[in-house]
Amino acid sequence: TVWVLFVDDDRRVYVGMAIGPGDDLGPLEYDGLAHIIGDVDPPGVVIAITRDDGEPLAADWRLWEEMRGRLAASRCELIDVIIVGRHSWWAAVAGRPVA
């Protein structure tokens, strides 16, 4: 599952939404997600993907790059894409496991 977490100016989550599996996202879904984020117009978003092993896939890197490009002209900062596993998590900003 992919979670989009909308954060305020203090980077506190104030609302989130879940969308289908991250492996199935493509250009249309990226565009739709960017449109939703633009309509909400939050100061920032974090995208979290749940996966048992906590390891990123190529699709997660693609999501990071695609959304960075789509949000570059907006006021919304893409803070991070994180993969949350049972015993660890990974962050795109760090580019490595963090726990």
C-alpha atoms as a PDB file:
ATOM      1  CA  THR A   1       0.000   0.000   0.000  1.00  0.00           C
ATOM      2  CA  VAL A   2       1.142   3.535  -0.740  1.00  0.00           C
ATOM      3  CA  TRP A   3       0.368   6.209   1.843  1.00  0.00           C
ATOM      4  CA  VAL A   4       0.497   9.902   1.009  1.00  0.00           C
ATOM      5  CA  LEU A   5       0.964  11.906   4.199  1.00  0.00           C
ATOM      6  CA  PHE A   6       0.219  15.616   4.010  1.00  0.00           C
ATOM      7  CA  VAL A   7       2.261  17.685   6.448  1.00  0.00           C
ATOM      8  CA  ASP A   8       1.933  21.221   7.775  1.00  0.00           C
ATOM      9  CA  ASP A   9       4.614  23.907   8.032  1.00  0.00           C
ATOM     10  CA  ASP A  10       6.006  22.169  11.134  1.00  0.00           C
ATOM     11  CA  ARG A  11       6.170  18.867   9.206  1.00  0.00           C
ATOM     12  CA  ARG A  12       3.443  17.298  11.329  1.00  0.00           C
ATOM     13  CA  VAL A  13       1.099  14.959   9.477  1.00  0.00           C
ATOM     14  CA  TYR A  14      -2.405  16.405   9.403  1.00  0.00           C
ATOM     15  CA  VAL A  15      -4.074  14.033   6.927  1.00  0.00           C
ATOM     16  CA  GLY A  16      -3.173  11.004   4.864  1.00  0.00           C
ATOM     17  CA  MET A  17      -4.604   8.866   2.128  1.00  0.00           C
ATOM     18  CA  ALA A  18      -3.928   5.336   0.962  1.00  0.00           C
ATOM     19  CA  ILE A  19      -3.719   4.261  -2.667  1.00  0.00           C
ATOM     20  CA  GLY A  20      -3.161   0.869  -4.260  1.00  0.00           C
ATOM     21  CA  PRO A  21       0.075  -1.112  -4.485  1.00  0.00           C
ATOM     22  CA  GLY A  22       3.138   0.950  -5.452  1.00  0.00           C
ATOM     23  CA  ASP A  23       4.311  -1.602  -8.001  1.00  0.00           C
ATOM     24  CA  ASP A  24       1.395  -0.718 -10.279  1.00  0.00           C
ATOM     25  CA  LEU A  25       1.980   3.035 -10.460  1.00  0.00           C
ATOM     26  CA  GLY A  26       2.751   4.550 -13.843  1.00  0.00           C
ATOM     27  CA  PRO A  27       2.612   7.941 -15.583  1.00  0.00           C
ATOM     28  CA  LEU A  28      -1.172   8.309 -15.264  1.00  0.00           C
ATOM     29  CA  GLU A  29      -1.071   7.540 -11.547  1.00  0.00           C
ATOM     30  CA  TYR A  30       1.871   9.911 -11.021  1.00  0.00           C
ATOM     31  CA  ASP A  31      -0.064  12.668 -12.808  1.00  0.00           C
ATOM     32  CA  GLY A  32      -3.195  11.949 -10.774  1.00  0.00           C
ATOM     33  CA  LEU A  33      -1.275  11.935  -7.528  1.00  0.00           C
ATOM     34  CA  ALA A  34       0.426  15.230  -8.403  1.00  0.00           C
ATOM     35  CA  HIS A  35      -2.996  16.691  -9.226  1.00  0.00           C
ATOM     36  CA  ILE A  36      -4.439  15.595  -5.865  1.00  0.00           C
ATOM     37  CA  ILE A  37      -1.422  16.982  -4.015  1.00  0.00           C
ATOM     38  CA  GLY A  38      -1.744  20.241  -5.945  1.00  0.00           C
ATOM     39  CA  ASP A  39      -5.432  20.525  -5.064  1.00  0.00           C
ATOM     40  CA  VAL A  40      -4.713  19.972  -1.360  1.00  0.00           C
ATOM     41  CA  ASP A  41      -1.719  22.362  -1.624  1.00  0.00           C
ATOM     42  CA  PRO A  42       0.114  21.218   1.510  1.00  0.00           C
ATOM     43  CA  PRO A  43       3.510  22.609   2.490  1.00  0.00           C
ATOM     44  CA  GLY A  44       4.924  19.090   2.140  1.00  0.00           C
ATOM     45  CA  VAL A  45       4.221  15.417   1.602  1.00  0.00           C
ATOM     46  CA  VAL A  46       5.842  12.164   2.609  1.00  0.00           C
ATOM     47  CA  ILE A  47       5.059   9.059   0.602  1.00  0.00           C
ATOM     48  CA  ALA A  48       5.251   5.843   2.614  1.00  0.00           C
ATOM     49  CA  ILE A  49       5.090   2.363   1.119  1.00  0.00           C
ATOM     50  CA  THR A  50       4.531  -0.694   3.277  1.00  0.00           C
ATOM     51  CA  ARG A  51       6.549  -3.757   2.352  1.00  0.00           C
ATOM     52  CA  ASP A  52       7.404  -6.652   4.695  1.00  0.00           C
ATOM     53  CA  ASP A  53      11.158  -6.599   4.062  1.00  0.00           C
ATOM     54  CA  GLY A  54      11.524  -2.803   4.175  1.00  0.00           C
ATOM     55  CA  GLU A  55      13.648  -2.865   0.999  1.00  0.00           C
ATOM     56  CA  PRO A  56      13.115  -0.483  -1.930  1.00  0.00           C
ATOM     57  CA  LEU A  57      12.285  -1.660  -5.430  1.00  0.00           C
ATOM     58  CA  ALA A  58      13.109   0.060  -8.714  1.00  0.00           C
ATOM     59  CA  ALA A  59       9.479   1.243  -8.757  1.00  0.00           C
ATOM     60  CA  ASP A  60      10.060   3.111  -5.479  1.00  0.00           C
ATOM     61  CA  TRP A  61      13.013   5.023  -6.939  1.00  0.00           C
ATOM     62  CA  ARG A  62      10.922   5.758 -10.028  1.00  0.00           C
ATOM     63  CA  LEU A  63       8.107   7.083  -7.807  1.00  0.00           C
ATOM     64  CA  TRP A  64      10.614   9.333  -6.001  1.00  0.00           C
ATOM     65  CA  GLU A  65      12.046  10.743  -9.236  1.00  0.00           C
ATOM     66  CA  GLU A  66       8.689  11.110 -11.001  1.00  0.00           C
ATOM     67  CA  MET A  67       7.013  12.886  -8.088  1.00  0.00           C
ATOM     68  CA  ARG A  68      10.014  15.170  -7.513  1.00  0.00           C
ATOM     69  CA  GLY A  69       9.712  16.299 -11.119  1.00  0.00           C
ATOM     70  CA  ARG A  70       5.962  16.743 -11.010  1.00  0.00           C
ATOM     71  CA  LEU A  71       6.030  18.719  -7.745  1.00  0.00           C
ATOM     72  CA  ALA A  72       9.090  20.845  -8.577  1.00  0.00           C
ATOM     73  CA  ALA A  73       7.011  23.826  -9.707  1.00  0.00           C
ATOM     74  CA  SER A  74       4.564  23.676  -6.797  1.00  0.00           C
ATOM     75  CA  ARG A  75       4.965  25.055  -3.303  1.00  0.00           C
ATOM     76  CA  CYS A  76       4.698  21.497  -1.946  1.00  0.00           C
ATOM     77  CA  GLU A  77       7.963  19.878  -0.937  1.00  0.00           C
ATOM     78  CA  LEU A  78       8.332  16.147  -1.495  1.00  0.00           C
ATOM     79  CA  ILE A  79      10.069  15.479   1.797  1.00  0.00           C
ATOM     80  CA  ASP A  80      10.781  11.790   1.300  1.00  0.00           C
ATOM     81  CA  VAL A  81       9.633   8.431   0.021  1.00  0.00           C
ATOM     82  CA  ILE A  82      10.025   5.814   2.713  1.00  0.00           C
ATOM     83  CA  ILE A  83       9.612   2.053   2.682  1.00  0.00           C
ATOM     84  CA  VAL A  84       8.295   0.686   5.957  1.00  0.00           C
ATOM     85  CA  GLY A  85       8.928  -2.975   6.764  1.00  0.00           C
ATOM     86  CA  ARG A  86       8.278  -5.215   9.729  1.00  0.00           C
ATOM     87  CA  HIS A  87      11.706  -4.668  11.275  1.00  0.00           C
ATOM     88  CA  SER A  88      13.325  -1.869   9.283  1.00  0.00           C
ATOM     89  CA  TRP A  89      12.650   1.066   7.057  1.00  0.00           C
ATOM     90  CA  TRP A  90      14.390   2.789   4.171  1.00  0.00           C
ATOM     91  CA  ALA A  91      14.344   6.429   3.075  1.00  0.00           C
ATOM     92  CA  ALA A  92      14.999   7.761  -0.432  1.00  0.00           C
ATOM     93  CA  VAL A  93      16.603  10.920   0.944  1.00  0.00           C
ATOM     94  CA  ALA A  94      19.176   8.860   2.811  1.00  0.00           C
ATOM     95  CA  GLY A  95      19.369   6.278   0.008  1.00  0.00           C
ATOM     96  CA  ARG A  96      20.017   3.507   2.486  1.00  0.00           C
ATOM     97  CA  PRO A  97      18.364   1.561   5.303  1.00  0.00           C
ATOM     98  CA  VAL A  98      17.930   3.699   8.400  1.00  0.00           C
ATOM     99  CA  ALA A  99      16.806   1.183  10.979  1.00  0.00           C
END
